[in-house]
Amino acid sequence: MQHHIDPTRAQFDAFKDLPRDQPIEMLNLLRFKDVADYPAHHPLHDTGLSGADAYKNYGAETGPILNKVGGAVVWRGTFETILIGPQDEAWDACFIVRYPNSSAFLAMVTDPAYQKAVVHRQAAVLTSRLIRHASAAEGQTFG
Protein backbone atom coordinates (compact mmCIF):
# COMPACT_ATOMS: atom_id res chain seq x y z
CA MET A 1 0.00 0.00 0.00
CA GLN A 2 1.25 3.46 -0.86
CA HIS A 3 0.85 5.84 2.06
CA HIS A 4 -0.47 9.30 1.28
CA ILE A 5 -0.12 11.42 4.39
CA ASP A 6 1.19 14.80 3.21
CA PRO A 7 1.14 16.37 -0.26
CA THR A 8 4.19 16.17 -2.45
CA ARG A 9 5.81 19.46 -3.47
CA ALA A 10 4.34 19.06 -6.99
CA GLN A 11 0.83 18.44 -5.61
CA PHE A 12 1.07 21.46 -3.30
CA ASP A 13 2.35 23.66 -6.13
CA ALA A 14 -0.52 22.51 -8.39
CA PHE A 15 -2.98 23.38 -5.60
CA LYS A 16 -1.46 26.85 -5.23
CA ASP A 17 -1.58 27.42 -9.01
CA LEU A 18 -5.38 27.07 -9.09
CA PRO A 19 -7.61 30.14 -8.57
CA ARG A 20 -7.47 31.45 -5.01
CA ASP A 21 -10.52 33.73 -4.98
CA GLN A 22 -13.40 31.24 -5.11
CA PRO A 23 -14.94 28.88 -2.54
CA ILE A 24 -13.52 25.36 -2.49
CA GLU A 25 -14.55 22.07 -0.96
CA MET A 26 -11.98 19.55 0.19
CA LEU A 27 -13.06 15.90 0.20
CA ASN A 28 -11.21 14.07 2.99
CA LEU A 29 -10.94 10.26 3.02
CA LEU A 30 -8.87 8.84 5.88
CA ARG A 31 -7.73 5.44 7.09
CA PHE A 32 -6.19 5.39 10.54
CA LYS A 33 -3.33 3.38 11.93
CA ASP A 34 -4.29 0.90 14.64
CA VAL A 35 -1.77 2.59 16.95
CA ALA A 36 -0.64 6.18 16.47
CA ASP A 37 3.00 6.57 15.51
CA TYR A 38 4.30 9.74 17.17
CA PRO A 39 7.93 10.86 16.84
CA ALA A 40 10.22 9.60 19.61
CA HIS A 41 10.47 13.06 21.22
CA HIS A 42 6.67 13.60 21.40
CA PRO A 43 4.96 13.18 24.81
CA LEU A 44 2.43 10.74 23.27
CA HIS A 45 5.12 8.46 21.81
CA ASP A 46 4.71 4.86 22.99
CA THR A 47 1.43 5.56 24.81
CA GLY A 48 -0.56 3.11 22.69
CA LEU A 49 -3.00 5.81 21.63
CA SER A 50 -5.10 4.66 18.67
CA GLY A 51 -4.87 6.40 15.32
CA ALA A 52 -8.53 7.39 15.65
CA ASP A 53 -7.86 9.03 19.03
CA ALA A 54 -4.76 10.80 17.71
CA TYR A 55 -6.91 12.18 14.88
CA LYS A 56 -9.44 13.41 17.48
CA ASN A 57 -6.54 15.34 19.07
CA TYR A 58 -5.77 16.82 15.65
CA GLY A 59 -9.40 17.87 15.23
CA ALA A 60 -9.59 19.42 18.69
CA GLU A 61 -6.44 21.48 18.16
CA THR A 62 -7.14 22.53 14.56
CA GLY A 63 -10.89 23.21 14.89
CA PRO A 64 -10.39 26.77 16.19
CA ILE A 65 -7.94 27.46 13.34
CA LEU A 66 -10.45 26.14 10.78
CA ASN A 67 -13.11 28.42 12.25
CA LYS A 68 -10.73 31.39 12.27
CA VAL A 69 -10.13 31.12 8.51
CA GLY A 70 -13.87 30.74 7.80
CA GLY A 71 -13.86 27.01 7.04
CA ALA A 72 -16.46 24.48 8.15
CA VAL A 73 -17.18 20.78 7.87
CA VAL A 74 -20.27 20.76 5.61
CA TRP A 75 -20.74 16.99 5.27
CA ARG A 76 -19.62 13.96 7.23
CA GLY A 77 -20.50 10.35 6.48
CA THR A 78 -19.79 6.81 7.59
CA PHE A 79 -18.07 4.58 5.05
CA GLU A 80 -20.06 1.47 4.14
CA THR A 81 -18.70 -0.14 0.94
CA ILE A 82 -17.00 0.45 -2.41
CA LEU A 83 -19.46 0.04 -5.28
CA ILE A 84 -17.04 1.06 -8.06
CA GLY A 85 -13.33 1.24 -7.41
CA PRO A 86 -10.55 -0.62 -5.65
CA GLN A 87 -12.03 -3.05 -3.15
CA ASP A 88 -9.03 -2.62 -0.84
CA GLU A 89 -9.88 1.02 -0.14
CA ALA A 90 -11.88 1.45 3.04
CA TRP A 91 -12.10 4.68 5.01
CA ASP A 92 -12.41 5.36 8.73
CA ALA A 93 -13.42 8.99 8.23
CA CYS A 94 -15.09 10.71 5.27
CA PHE A 95 -15.98 14.40 5.26
CA ILE A 96 -16.04 17.58 3.19
CA VAL A 97 -14.66 20.89 4.43
CA ARG A 98 -15.71 24.13 2.72
CA TYR A 99 -13.32 27.07 2.71
CA PRO A 100 -14.21 30.59 1.56
CA ASN A 101 -11.25 30.30 -0.84
CA SER A 102 -7.97 28.46 -1.19
CA SER A 103 -6.14 31.33 0.48
CA ALA A 104 -8.08 30.45 3.65
CA PHE A 105 -6.89 26.84 3.40
CA LEU A 106 -3.31 28.04 2.90
CA ALA A 107 -3.65 30.39 5.88
CA MET A 108 -4.80 27.46 8.00
CA VAL A 109 -1.99 25.07 7.07
CA THR A 110 0.68 27.75 7.54
CA ASP A 111 -0.67 28.93 10.91
CA PRO A 112 1.97 28.21 13.62
CA ALA A 113 -0.63 26.51 15.84
CA TYR A 114 -1.63 24.26 12.93
CA GLN A 115 2.01 23.42 12.23
CA LYS A 116 2.30 22.28 15.85
CA ALA A 117 -0.97 20.27 15.78
CA VAL A 118 -0.37 18.46 12.47
CA VAL A 119 1.86 15.96 14.29
CA HIS A 120 -1.37 14.30 15.49
CA ARG A 121 -2.59 13.86 11.90
CA GLN A 122 0.75 12.49 10.79
CA ALA A 123 0.80 10.05 13.72
CA ALA A 124 -2.82 8.98 13.14
CA VAL A 125 -3.19 8.49 9.39
CA LEU A 126 -2.19 5.32 7.56
CA THR A 127 -3.33 6.68 4.19
CA SER A 128 -5.59 9.45 2.97
CA ARG A 129 -7.03 11.31 0.03
CA LEU A 130 -7.51 15.07 0.12
CA ILE A 131 -9.24 16.19 -3.06
CA ARG A 132 -9.95 19.82 -3.93
CA HIS A 133 -13.20 20.68 -5.70
CA ALA A 134 -14.57 23.97 -7.03
CA SER A 135 -18.12 24.72 -5.94
CA ALA A 136 -20.82 23.93 -8.48
CA ALA A 137 -24.58 24.42 -8.52
CA GLU A 138 -26.74 21.67 -7.10
CA GLY A 139 -29.22 20.09 -9.46
CA GLN A 140 -31.61 17.28 -10.29
CA THR A 141 -29.31 15.57 -12.81
CA PHE A 142 -25.72 14.32 -12.92
CA GLY A 143 -24.68 16.56 -15.82
C-alpha atoms as a PDB file:
ATOM      1  CA  MET A   1       0.000   0.000   0.000  1.00  0.00           C
ATOM      2  CA  GLN A   2       1.251   3.457  -0.864  1.00  0.00           C
ATOM      3  CA  HIS A   3       0.850   5.837   2.063  1.00  0.00           C
ATOM      4  CA  HIS A   4      -0.468   9.303   1.275  1.00  0.00           C
ATOM      5  CA  ILE A   5      -0.119  11.418   4.392  1.00  0.00           C
ATOM      6  CA  ASP A   6       1.195  14.798   3.214  1.00  0.00           C
ATOM      7  CA  PRO A   7       1.137  16.375  -0.259  1.00  0.00           C
ATOM      8  CA  THR A   8       4.187  16.173  -2.453  1.00  0.00           C
ATOM      9  CA  ARG A   9       5.814  19.459  -3.473  1.00  0.00           C
ATOM     10  CA  ALA A  10       4.339  19.059  -6.991  1.00  0.00           C
ATOM     11  CA  GLN A  11       0.835  18.441  -5.606  1.00  0.00           C
ATOM     12  CA  PHE A  12       1.065  21.461  -3.300  1.00  0.00           C
ATOM     13  CA  ASP A  13       2.355  23.661  -6.135  1.00  0.00           C
ATOM     14  CA  ALA A  14      -0.517  22.508  -8.389  1.00  0.00           C
ATOM     15  CA  PHE A  15      -2.978  23.378  -5.604  1.00  0.00           C
ATOM     16  CA  LYS A  16      -1.460  26.852  -5.229  1.00  0.00           C
ATOM     17  CA  ASP A  17      -1.576  27.422  -9.014  1.00  0.00           C
ATOM     18  CA  LEU A  18      -5.378  27.074  -9.093  1.00  0.00           C
ATOM     19  CA  PRO A  19      -7.615  30.142  -8.573  1.00  0.00           C
ATOM     20  CA  ARG A  20      -7.474  31.448  -5.010  1.00  0.00           C
ATOM     21  CA  ASP A  21     -10.523  33.734  -4.982  1.00  0.00           C
ATOM     22  CA  GLN A  22     -13.397  31.238  -5.114  1.00  0.00           C
ATOM     23  CA  PRO A  23     -14.941  28.881  -2.541  1.00  0.00           C
ATOM     24  CA  ILE A  24     -13.524  25.364  -2.492  1.00  0.00           C
ATOM     25  CA  GLU A  25     -14.549  22.072  -0.957  1.00  0.00           C
ATOM     26  CA  MET A  26     -11.976  19.550   0.195  1.00  0.00           C
ATOM     27  CA  LEU A  27     -13.060  15.900   0.202  1.00  0.00           C
ATOM     28  CA  ASN A  28     -11.207  14.068   2.994  1.00  0.00           C
ATOM     29  CA  LEU A  29     -10.935  10.263   3.024  1.00  0.00           C
ATOM     30  CA  LEU A  30      -8.875   8.837   5.883  1.00  0.00           C
ATOM     31  CA  ARG A  31      -7.732   5.439   7.087  1.00  0.00           C
ATOM     32  CA  PHE A  32      -6.185   5.391  10.535  1.00  0.00           C
ATOM     33  CA  LYS A  33      -3.330   3.378  11.931  1.00  0.00           C
ATOM     34  CA  ASP A  34      -4.289   0.901  14.637  1.00  0.00           C
ATOM     35  CA  VAL A  35      -1.766   2.588  16.950  1.00  0.00           C
ATOM     36  CA  ALA A  36      -0.644   6.180  16.465  1.00  0.00           C
ATOM     37  CA  ASP A  37       3.005   6.572  15.510  1.00  0.00           C
ATOM     38  CA  TYR A  38       4.302   9.740  17.167  1.00  0.00           C
ATOM     39  CA  PRO A  39       7.928  10.860  16.837  1.00  0.00           C
ATOM     40  CA  ALA A  40      10.224   9.599  19.615  1.00  0.00           C
ATOM     41  CA  HIS A  41      10.471  13.056  21.221  1.00  0.00           C
ATOM     42  CA  HIS A  42       6.674  13.596  21.397  1.00  0.00           C
ATOM     43  CA  PRO A  43       4.960  13.179  24.806  1.00  0.00           C
ATOM     44  CA  LEU A  44       2.426  10.745  23.275  1.00  0.00           C
ATOM     45  CA  HIS A  45       5.122   8.457  21.808  1.00  0.00           C
ATOM     46  CA  ASP A  46       4.711   4.857  22.992  1.00  0.00           C
ATOM     47  CA  THR A  47       1.434   5.562  24.810  1.00  0.00           C
ATOM     48  CA  GLY A  48      -0.558   3.108  22.690  1.00  0.00           C
ATOM     49  CA  LEU A  49      -2.996   5.812  21.626  1.00  0.00           C
ATOM     50  CA  SER A  50      -5.097   4.664  18.670  1.00  0.00           C
ATOM     51  CA  GLY A  51      -4.868   6.396  15.323  1.00  0.00           C
ATOM     52  CA  ALA A  52      -8.533   7.390  15.655  1.00  0.00           C
ATOM     53  CA  ASP A  53      -7.860   9.027  19.032  1.00  0.00           C
ATOM     54  CA  ALA A  54      -4.762  10.797  17.713  1.00  0.00           C
ATOM     55  CA  TYR A  55      -6.914  12.180  14.885  1.00  0.00           C
ATOM     56  CA  LYS A  56      -9.438  13.412  17.483  1.00  0.00           C
ATOM     57  CA  ASN A  57      -6.543  15.344  19.072  1.00  0.00           C
ATOM     58  CA  TYR A  58      -5.768  16.820  15.654  1.00  0.00           C
ATOM     59  CA  GLY A  59      -9.399  17.870  15.229  1.00  0.00           C
ATOM     60  CA  ALA A  60      -9.591  19.416  18.693  1.00  0.00           C
ATOM     61  CA  GLU A  61      -6.442  21.480  18.156  1.00  0.00           C
ATOM     62  CA  THR A  62      -7.143  22.529  14.563  1.00  0.00           C
ATOM     63  CA  GLY A  63     -10.886  23.215  14.894  1.00  0.00           C
ATOM     64  CA  PRO A  64     -10.391  26.771  16.187  1.00  0.00           C
ATOM     65  CA  ILE A  65      -7.945  27.463  13.336  1.00  0.00           C
ATOM     66  CA  LEU A  66     -10.448  26.143  10.780  1.00  0.00           C
ATOM     67  CA  ASN A  67     -13.110  28.418  12.254  1.00  0.00           C
ATOM     68  CA  LYS A  68     -10.731  31.390  12.269  1.00  0.00           C
ATOM     69  CA  VAL A  69     -10.125  31.118   8.508  1.00  0.00           C
ATOM     70  CA  GLY A  70     -13.871  30.737   7.805  1.00  0.00           C
ATOM     71  CA  GLY A  71     -13.856  27.013   7.040  1.00  0.00           C
ATOM     72  CA  ALA A  72     -16.457  24.483   8.154  1.00  0.00           C
ATOM     73  CA  VAL A  73     -17.184  20.782   7.869  1.00  0.00           C
ATOM     74  CA  VAL A  74     -20.273  20.756   5.614  1.00  0.00           C
ATOM     75  CA  TRP A  75     -20.745  16.990   5.274  1.00  0.00           C
ATOM     76  CA  ARG A  76     -19.624  13.957   7.234  1.00  0.00           C
ATOM     77  CA  GLY A  77     -20.501  10.346   6.481  1.00  0.00           C
ATOM     78  CA  THR A  78     -19.787   6.812   7.588  1.00  0.00           C
ATOM     79  CA  PHE A  79     -18.068   4.580   5.046  1.00  0.00           C
ATOM     80  CA  GLU A  80     -20.059   1.474   4.138  1.00  0.00           C
ATOM     81  CA  THR A  81     -18.698  -0.137   0.943  1.00  0.00           C
ATOM     82  CA  ILE A  82     -17.002   0.449  -2.408  1.00  0.00           C
ATOM     83  CA  LEU A  83     -19.460   0.036  -5.279  1.00  0.00           C
ATOM     84  CA  ILE A  84     -17.044   1.063  -8.060  1.00  0.00           C
ATOM     85  CA  GLY A  85     -13.329   1.240  -7.414  1.00  0.00           C
ATOM     86  CA  PRO A  86     -10.550  -0.623  -5.650  1.00  0.00           C
ATOM     87  CA  GLN A  87     -12.029  -3.054  -3.150  1.00  0.00           C
ATOM     88  CA  ASP A  88      -9.033  -2.621  -0.840  1.00  0.00           C
ATOM     89  CA  GLU A  89      -9.878   1.016  -0.136  1.00  0.00           C
ATOM     90  CA  ALA A  90     -11.875   1.445   3.043  1.00  0.00           C
ATOM     91  CA  TRP A  91     -12.100   4.676   5.010  1.00  0.00           C
ATOM     92  CA  ASP A  92     -12.408   5.361   8.733  1.00  0.00           C
ATOM     93  CA  ALA A  93     -13.416   8.988   8.228  1.00  0.00           C
ATOM     94  CA  CYS A  94     -15.089  10.715   5.270  1.00  0.00           C
ATOM     95  CA  PHE A  95     -15.976  14.404   5.261  1.00  0.00           C
ATOM     96  CA  ILE A  96     -16.043  17.576   3.193  1.00  0.00           C
ATOM     97  CA  VAL A  97     -14.663  20.895   4.426  1.00  0.00           C
ATOM     98  CA  ARG A  98     -15.709  24.127   2.720  1.00  0.00           C
ATOM     99  CA  TYR A  99     -13.317  27.074   2.707  1.00  0.00           C
ATOM    100  CA  PRO A 100     -14.213  30.594   1.557  1.00  0.00           C
ATOM    101  CA  ASN A 101     -11.254  30.299  -0.843  1.00  0.00           C
ATOM    102  CA  SER A 102      -7.969  28.459  -1.187  1.00  0.00           C
ATOM    103  CA  SER A 103      -6.140  31.325   0.480  1.00  0.00           C
ATOM    104  CA  ALA A 104      -8.083  30.450   3.653  1.00  0.00           C
ATOM    105  CA  PHE A 105      -6.895  26.840   3.397  1.00  0.00           C
ATOM    106  CA  LEU A 106      -3.312  28.037   2.895  1.00  0.00           C
ATOM    107  CA  ALA A 107      -3.652  30.386   5.877  1.00  0.00           C
ATOM    108  CA  MET A 108      -4.803  27.456   8.001  1.00  0.00           C
ATOM    109  CA  VAL A 109      -1.992  25.070   7.071  1.00  0.00           C
ATOM    110  CA  THR A 110       0.676  27.748   7.544  1.00  0.00           C
ATOM    111  CA  ASP A 111      -0.671  28.932  10.914  1.00  0.00           C
ATOM    112  CA  PRO A 112       1.967  28.206  13.618  1.00  0.00           C
ATOM    113  CA  ALA A 113      -0.632  26.514  15.835  1.00  0.00           C
ATOM    114  CA  TYR A 114      -1.630  24.260  12.935  1.00  0.00           C
ATOM    115  CA  GLN A 115       2.007  23.425  12.234  1.00  0.00           C
ATOM    116  CA  LYS A 116       2.303  22.278  15.848  1.00  0.00           C
ATOM    117  CA  ALA A 117      -0.967  20.266  15.778  1.00  0.00           C
ATOM    118  CA  VAL A 118      -0.372  18.463  12.465  1.00  0.00           C
ATOM    119  CA  VAL A 119       1.857  15.955  14.294  1.00  0.00           C
ATOM    120  CA  HIS A 120      -1.374  14.304  15.489  1.00  0.00           C
ATOM    121  CA  ARG A 121      -2.586  13.859  11.898  1.00  0.00           C
ATOM    122  CA  GLN A 122       0.753  12.489  10.787  1.00  0.00           C
ATOM    123  CA  ALA A 123       0.800  10.051  13.720  1.00  0.00           C
ATOM    124  CA  ALA A 124      -2.817   8.979  13.142  1.00  0.00           C
ATOM    125  CA  VAL A 125      -3.187   8.490   9.394  1.00  0.00           C
ATOM    126  CA  LEU A 126      -2.192   5.319   7.557  1.00  0.00           C
ATOM    127  CA  THR A 127      -3.327   6.683   4.191  1.00  0.00           C
ATOM    128  CA  SER A 128      -5.586   9.452   2.972  1.00  0.00           C
ATOM    129  CA  ARG A 129      -7.025  11.309   0.030  1.00  0.00           C
ATOM    130  CA  LEU A 130      -7.515  15.068   0.119  1.00  0.00           C
ATOM    131  CA  ILE A 131      -9.238  16.189  -3.059  1.00  0.00           C
ATOM    132  CA  ARG A 132      -9.949  19.820  -3.934  1.00  0.00           C
ATOM    133  CA  HIS A 133     -13.202  20.684  -5.703  1.00  0.00           C
ATOM    134  CA  ALA A 134     -14.570  23.967  -7.034  1.00  0.00           C
ATOM    135  CA  SER A 135     -18.124  24.725  -5.939  1.00  0.00           C
ATOM    136  CA  ALA A 136     -20.816  23.933  -8.478  1.00  0.00           C
ATOM    137  CA  ALA A 137     -24.579  24.416  -8.515  1.00  0.00           C
ATOM    138  CA  GLU A 138     -26.740  21.670  -7.100  1.00  0.00           C
ATOM    139  CA  GLY A 139     -29.224  20.085  -9.456  1.00  0.00           C
ATOM    140  CA  GLN A 140     -31.606  17.278 -10.287  1.00  0.00           C
ATOM    141  CA  THR A 141     -29.315  15.572 -12.814  1.00  0.00           C
ATOM    142  CA  PHE A 142     -25.719  14.325 -12.925  1.00  0.00           C
ATOM    143  CA  GLY A 143     -24.684  16.560 -15.824  1.00  0.00           C
END
